[in-house]
Amino acid sequence: MASSAFLKLACAVLMCMVVIAPHAEAALTCSTVTKDIAQCISYLKGGDSPSDACCSGVKTLKSLASTPEDKKTACNCLKTAAASVSGLDATKAAALPGKCGVSIPYSISPQTDCSKVN
């Protein structure tokens, strides 16, 4: 009888693993970060205000970067992107999260020290 209970428990654990495994998310990548903020480029290069699509991407990025490692990855990707886009308005880049109603623990700038992001 004990082995029957153990078998049922083992099956339940296995079923949980099968259900949960596909929902495990991969670590954040620069490709994801770039995709999420691509709609912001026109604003960051002189547009009047960020578009709804831009802010949606910023909010998505904020929700995806939930762990300290993901936040550092996002920071480094944004830092690299900020340095590589010619004509980028640094003031608008730094203010972008606030314009979209979110707060992030670093500034979007080529000078940001992402090693200090938690």
Protein backbone atom coordinates (compact mmCIF):
# COMPACT_ATOMS: atom_id res chain seq x y z
CA MET A 1 0.00 0.00 0.00
CA ALA A 2 2.88 2.37 0.75
CA SER A 3 4.32 1.73 -2.71
CA SER A 4 0.95 2.62 -4.26
CA ALA A 5 0.94 5.99 -2.45
CA PHE A 6 4.52 6.59 -3.50
CA LEU A 7 3.67 5.79 -7.12
CA LYS A 8 0.74 8.23 -7.04
CA LEU A 9 2.95 10.93 -5.54
CA ALA A 10 5.66 10.31 -8.13
CA CYS A 11 3.09 10.56 -10.93
CA ALA A 12 1.72 13.80 -9.50
CA VAL A 13 5.20 15.31 -9.29
CA LEU A 14 5.96 14.22 -12.85
CA MET A 15 2.71 15.75 -14.12
CA CYS A 16 3.53 19.03 -12.39
CA MET A 17 6.97 19.07 -13.99
CA VAL A 18 5.47 18.44 -17.45
CA VAL A 19 2.95 21.25 -16.97
CA ILE A 20 5.38 23.78 -15.50
CA ALA A 21 8.45 23.15 -17.71
CA PRO A 22 7.10 24.77 -20.89
CA HIS A 23 6.27 27.91 -18.93
CA ALA A 24 9.82 28.41 -17.66
CA GLU A 25 11.20 31.51 -19.33
CA ALA A 26 14.62 31.87 -20.83
CA ALA A 27 16.95 34.59 -19.64
CA LEU A 28 16.48 38.02 -21.18
CA THR A 29 18.50 38.63 -24.35
CA CYS A 30 19.58 41.76 -26.21
CA SER A 31 17.44 40.62 -29.10
CA THR A 32 14.36 40.83 -26.88
CA VAL A 33 15.42 44.20 -25.49
CA THR A 34 16.00 45.61 -28.97
CA LYS A 35 12.66 44.31 -30.21
CA ASP A 36 10.85 45.85 -27.23
CA ILE A 37 12.33 49.32 -27.68
CA ALA A 38 12.55 49.50 -31.49
CA GLN A 39 9.34 51.55 -31.64
CA CYS A 40 10.99 54.23 -29.50
CA ILE A 41 13.73 55.25 -31.94
CA SER A 42 11.76 58.02 -33.66
CA TYR A 43 10.96 59.60 -30.28
CA LEU A 44 14.55 59.23 -29.07
CA LYS A 45 15.84 60.93 -32.21
CA GLY A 46 13.64 64.01 -31.81
CA GLY A 47 9.98 63.00 -31.77
CA ASP A 48 7.47 64.92 -29.67
CA SER A 49 6.35 62.05 -27.44
CA PRO A 50 6.77 58.28 -27.22
CA SER A 51 4.16 56.30 -29.15
CA ASP A 52 1.80 53.83 -27.50
CA ALA A 53 3.78 51.02 -29.15
CA CYS A 54 7.01 52.43 -27.70
CA CYS A 55 5.57 52.59 -24.17
CA SER A 56 4.10 49.13 -24.55
CA GLY A 57 7.59 47.84 -25.37
CA VAL A 58 9.12 49.69 -22.41
CA LYS A 59 6.49 48.19 -20.09
CA THR A 60 7.05 44.72 -21.54
CA LEU A 61 10.78 45.07 -21.02
CA LYS A 62 10.22 46.21 -17.43
CA SER A 63 8.10 43.13 -16.71
CA LEU A 64 10.56 40.75 -18.39
CA ALA A 65 13.55 42.11 -16.46
CA SER A 66 12.46 40.86 -13.07
CA THR A 67 15.64 39.25 -11.72
CA PRO A 68 18.87 41.13 -10.93
CA GLU A 69 20.59 39.25 -13.77
CA ASP A 70 17.88 40.21 -16.26
CA LYS A 71 18.00 43.83 -15.10
CA LYS A 72 21.77 43.91 -15.68
CA THR A 73 21.30 42.34 -19.10
CA ALA A 74 18.62 44.87 -20.04
CA CYS A 75 20.83 47.70 -18.77
CA ASN A 76 23.84 46.55 -20.79
CA CYS A 77 21.73 46.05 -23.92
CA LEU A 78 20.16 49.50 -23.58
CA LYS A 79 23.57 51.04 -22.87
CA THR A 80 24.98 49.46 -26.03
CA ALA A 81 21.94 50.51 -28.06
CA ALA A 82 22.16 54.07 -26.76
CA ALA A 83 25.80 54.27 -27.79
CA SER A 84 25.17 52.83 -31.26
CA VAL A 85 22.22 54.98 -32.39
CA SER A 86 23.44 58.16 -34.02
CA GLY A 87 21.41 61.26 -33.27
CA LEU A 88 19.97 59.84 -30.05
CA ASP A 89 18.78 62.50 -27.60
CA ALA A 90 20.39 61.41 -24.32
CA THR A 91 17.94 63.45 -22.23
CA LYS A 92 14.96 61.76 -23.91
CA ALA A 93 16.57 58.34 -23.50
CA ALA A 94 17.07 58.88 -19.77
CA ALA A 95 13.50 60.14 -19.36
CA LEU A 96 11.84 57.46 -21.52
CA PRO A 97 10.79 55.06 -18.75
CA GLY A 98 9.15 57.89 -16.79
CA LYS A 99 7.38 59.16 -19.92
CA CYS A 100 5.91 55.67 -20.25
CA GLY A 101 4.88 55.50 -16.59
CA VAL A 102 7.47 52.99 -15.39
CA SER A 103 10.51 53.16 -13.18
CA ILE A 104 13.72 51.25 -13.81
CA PRO A 105 16.77 51.11 -11.50
CA TYR A 106 19.18 52.68 -13.99
CA SER A 107 19.41 55.42 -16.58
CA ILE A 108 19.35 54.63 -20.30
CA SER A 109 22.72 56.11 -21.21
CA PRO A 110 26.05 55.03 -22.69
CA GLN A 111 27.64 56.11 -19.38
CA THR A 112 25.50 53.92 -17.09
CA ASP A 113 27.43 51.49 -14.85
CA CYS A 114 25.27 48.39 -15.24
CA SER A 115 27.37 46.40 -12.77
CA LYS A 116 25.67 48.34 -9.97
CA VAL A 117 22.11 47.43 -11.08
CA ASN A 118 20.18 45.19 -8.71
